[in-house]
Amino acid sequence: MPSQEAKILGDFLLAPAPLRDFITLRDFTDIFPRAHRSNPAVQEIYRELQRIRDKDVELVRQDIIDEVKRSKQLRREYAREKRQIDDATVAGLDPVALQMEEEVARYTKETTETRADLIARFPAKFVRNRTPYRRSTPTSTKRAKALRLGLQR
């Protein structure tokens, strides 16, 4: 059974397609001047026009089949993305956080960017701490000062 998409496209594009459905040989012959209506070339022209029309109809039919195949692939991709979003939501991550995690993972594998470079890529409302990573703590700073002044060993 054809899909609904194939049926709609077929009904819209192929229903009145054959030439004989909308113009008969008699009607076609009446288009020509009276002196040429009995000429056998008129019938040959009609037959050639019919062949061209049938060829075009077949091309459209094949395009409909190709379009249905593409739409199936798009539906599968959409379902896969929807599952990923649903899985992320179940795990407690919203879609934006999932996207950020994927980008961070991809960038850390592909590049040697610093944490500050990665943080700068995301909007401020999604990042908790936009300050660069500091290695020193306040206590180690006090200790370093004391060592410089010679107060501690």
Protein backbone atom coordinates (compact mmCIF):
# COMPACT_ATOMS: atom_id res chain seq x y z
CA MET A 1 0.00 0.00 0.00
CA PRO A 2 1.49 3.37 -0.97
CA SER A 3 2.22 5.89 1.73
CA GLN A 4 -0.05 8.84 2.28
CA GLU A 5 2.60 11.14 0.86
CA ALA A 6 2.88 9.08 -2.34
CA LYS A 7 -0.91 9.02 -2.68
CA ILE A 8 -1.23 12.79 -2.28
CA LEU A 9 1.60 13.55 -4.70
CA GLY A 10 0.30 10.99 -7.19
CA ASP A 11 -3.26 12.30 -7.02
CA PHE A 12 -2.10 15.88 -7.43
CA LEU A 13 0.58 15.40 -10.09
CA LEU A 14 -0.46 12.29 -12.00
CA ALA A 15 -4.26 12.13 -11.96
CA PRO A 16 -4.98 14.04 -15.21
CA ALA A 17 -1.60 13.14 -16.69
CA PRO A 18 -2.19 11.07 -19.86
CA LEU A 19 -2.75 13.24 -22.91
CA ARG A 20 -5.85 11.37 -24.04
CA ASP A 21 -7.54 12.22 -20.71
CA PHE A 22 -7.71 15.92 -21.45
CA ILE A 23 -7.45 16.18 -25.24
CA THR A 24 -8.57 13.54 -27.71
CA LEU A 25 -7.18 13.06 -31.21
CA ARG A 26 -10.38 14.60 -32.59
CA ASP A 27 -10.01 17.74 -30.41
CA PHE A 28 -6.31 17.95 -31.31
CA THR A 29 -7.14 17.70 -35.03
CA ASP A 30 -9.70 20.50 -34.67
CA ILE A 31 -6.90 22.86 -33.57
CA PHE A 32 -5.38 22.79 -37.07
CA PRO A 33 -6.77 24.71 -40.08
CA ARG A 34 -9.38 22.76 -42.10
CA ALA A 35 -7.00 22.24 -45.01
CA HIS A 36 -4.50 20.37 -42.82
CA ARG A 37 -6.83 18.32 -40.59
CA SER A 38 -6.79 15.31 -42.89
CA ASN A 39 -2.99 15.33 -43.16
CA PRO A 40 -1.49 12.11 -41.64
CA ALA A 41 1.24 14.20 -39.99
CA VAL A 42 -1.38 15.56 -37.55
CA GLN A 43 -1.92 12.06 -36.17
CA GLU A 44 1.87 11.50 -35.98
CA ILE A 45 2.29 14.79 -34.11
CA TYR A 46 -0.43 13.71 -31.66
CA ARG A 47 1.27 10.32 -31.11
CA GLU A 48 4.66 12.02 -30.57
CA LEU A 49 3.08 14.43 -28.12
CA GLN A 50 1.56 11.42 -26.33
CA ARG A 51 4.97 9.70 -26.09
CA ILE A 52 6.60 12.85 -24.71
CA ARG A 53 3.78 13.27 -22.22
CA ASP A 54 4.03 9.61 -21.09
CA LYS A 55 7.79 10.00 -20.67
CA ASP A 56 7.28 13.12 -18.52
CA VAL A 57 4.65 11.31 -16.44
CA GLU A 58 7.09 8.45 -15.83
CA LEU A 59 9.80 10.93 -14.74
CA VAL A 60 7.36 12.54 -12.30
CA ARG A 61 6.36 9.09 -11.01
CA GLN A 62 10.04 8.26 -10.38
CA ASP A 63 10.55 11.64 -8.65
CA ILE A 64 7.61 10.85 -6.35
CA ILE A 65 9.20 7.51 -5.44
CA ASP A 66 12.53 9.25 -4.73
CA GLU A 67 10.80 11.90 -2.63
CA VAL A 68 9.03 9.25 -0.55
CA LYS A 69 12.38 7.53 0.08
CA ARG A 70 13.93 10.86 1.17
CA SER A 71 11.00 11.58 3.46
CA LYS A 72 11.41 8.16 5.14
CA GLN A 73 15.06 8.96 5.81
CA LEU A 74 14.13 12.39 7.19
CA ARG A 75 11.53 10.80 9.47
CA ARG A 76 14.13 8.35 10.79
CA GLU A 77 16.59 11.20 11.48
CA TYR A 78 13.87 13.20 13.20
CA ALA A 79 12.90 10.21 15.36
CA ARG A 80 16.56 9.62 16.29
CA GLU A 81 17.02 13.27 17.33
CA LYS A 82 13.76 13.22 19.27
CA ARG A 83 14.90 10.07 21.12
CA GLN A 84 18.20 11.75 22.00
CA ILE A 85 16.36 14.78 23.37
CA ASP A 86 13.95 12.56 25.32
CA ASP A 87 16.83 10.47 26.70
CA ALA A 88 18.64 13.63 27.76
CA THR A 89 15.52 14.98 29.41
CA VAL A 90 15.02 11.74 31.31
CA ALA A 91 18.62 11.87 32.48
CA GLY A 92 18.02 15.35 33.87
CA LEU A 93 19.63 17.36 31.07
CA ASP A 94 17.74 19.83 28.99
CA PRO A 95 18.37 19.89 25.19
CA VAL A 96 20.58 22.98 25.40
CA ALA A 97 22.78 21.38 28.06
CA LEU A 98 23.02 18.21 25.96
CA GLN A 99 24.10 20.24 22.93
CA MET A 100 26.69 22.06 25.04
CA GLU A 101 28.06 18.76 26.36
CA GLU A 102 28.32 17.36 22.82
CA GLU A 103 30.11 20.48 21.58
CA VAL A 104 32.54 20.46 24.50
CA ALA A 105 33.30 16.78 23.92
CA ARG A 106 33.79 17.36 20.20
CA TYR A 107 36.04 20.39 20.71
CA THR A 108 38.19 18.69 23.32
CA LYS A 109 38.77 15.75 20.99
CA GLU A 110 39.46 17.85 17.89
CA THR A 111 41.28 20.89 19.28
CA THR A 112 43.49 21.98 22.13
CA GLU A 113 41.39 24.96 23.14
CA THR A 114 41.50 26.16 26.71
CA ARG A 115 38.58 26.08 29.08
CA ALA A 116 38.23 29.85 28.75
CA ASP A 117 37.90 29.52 24.96
CA LEU A 118 35.15 26.95 25.37
CA ILE A 119 33.29 29.00 27.96
CA ALA A 120 33.43 32.04 25.70
CA ARG A 121 31.51 30.11 23.02
CA PHE A 122 28.41 29.65 25.17
CA PRO A 123 25.90 32.29 26.24
CA ALA A 124 26.42 33.65 29.76
CA LYS A 125 23.09 32.35 31.07
CA PHE A 126 24.18 28.73 30.48
CA VAL A 127 27.59 28.96 32.14
CA ARG A 128 27.90 29.13 35.94
CA ASN A 129 31.39 30.57 36.20
CA ARG A 130 32.70 32.62 33.28
CA THR A 131 36.00 33.44 34.96
CA PRO A 132 39.07 31.53 33.77
CA TYR A 133 40.36 28.69 35.88
CA ARG A 134 42.74 29.80 38.65
CA ARG A 135 45.40 27.51 40.00
CA SER A 136 46.22 29.53 43.10
CA THR A 137 43.99 29.74 46.14
CA PRO A 138 43.97 32.56 48.66
CA THR A 139 45.88 30.52 51.22
CA SER A 140 48.61 29.60 48.78
CA THR A 141 48.91 33.27 47.82
CA LYS A 142 49.44 34.22 51.48
CA ARG A 143 52.04 31.49 51.83
CA ALA A 144 53.84 32.67 48.67
CA LYS A 145 53.96 36.23 50.06
CA ALA A 146 55.30 35.02 53.38
CA LEU A 147 58.00 32.98 51.62
CA ARG A 148 59.08 35.99 49.59
CA LEU A 149 59.35 38.09 52.69
CA GLY A 150 61.34 35.36 54.43
CA LEU A 151 58.81 34.82 57.18
CA GLN A 152 58.28 31.12 56.44
CA ARG A 153 60.45 28.26 55.28
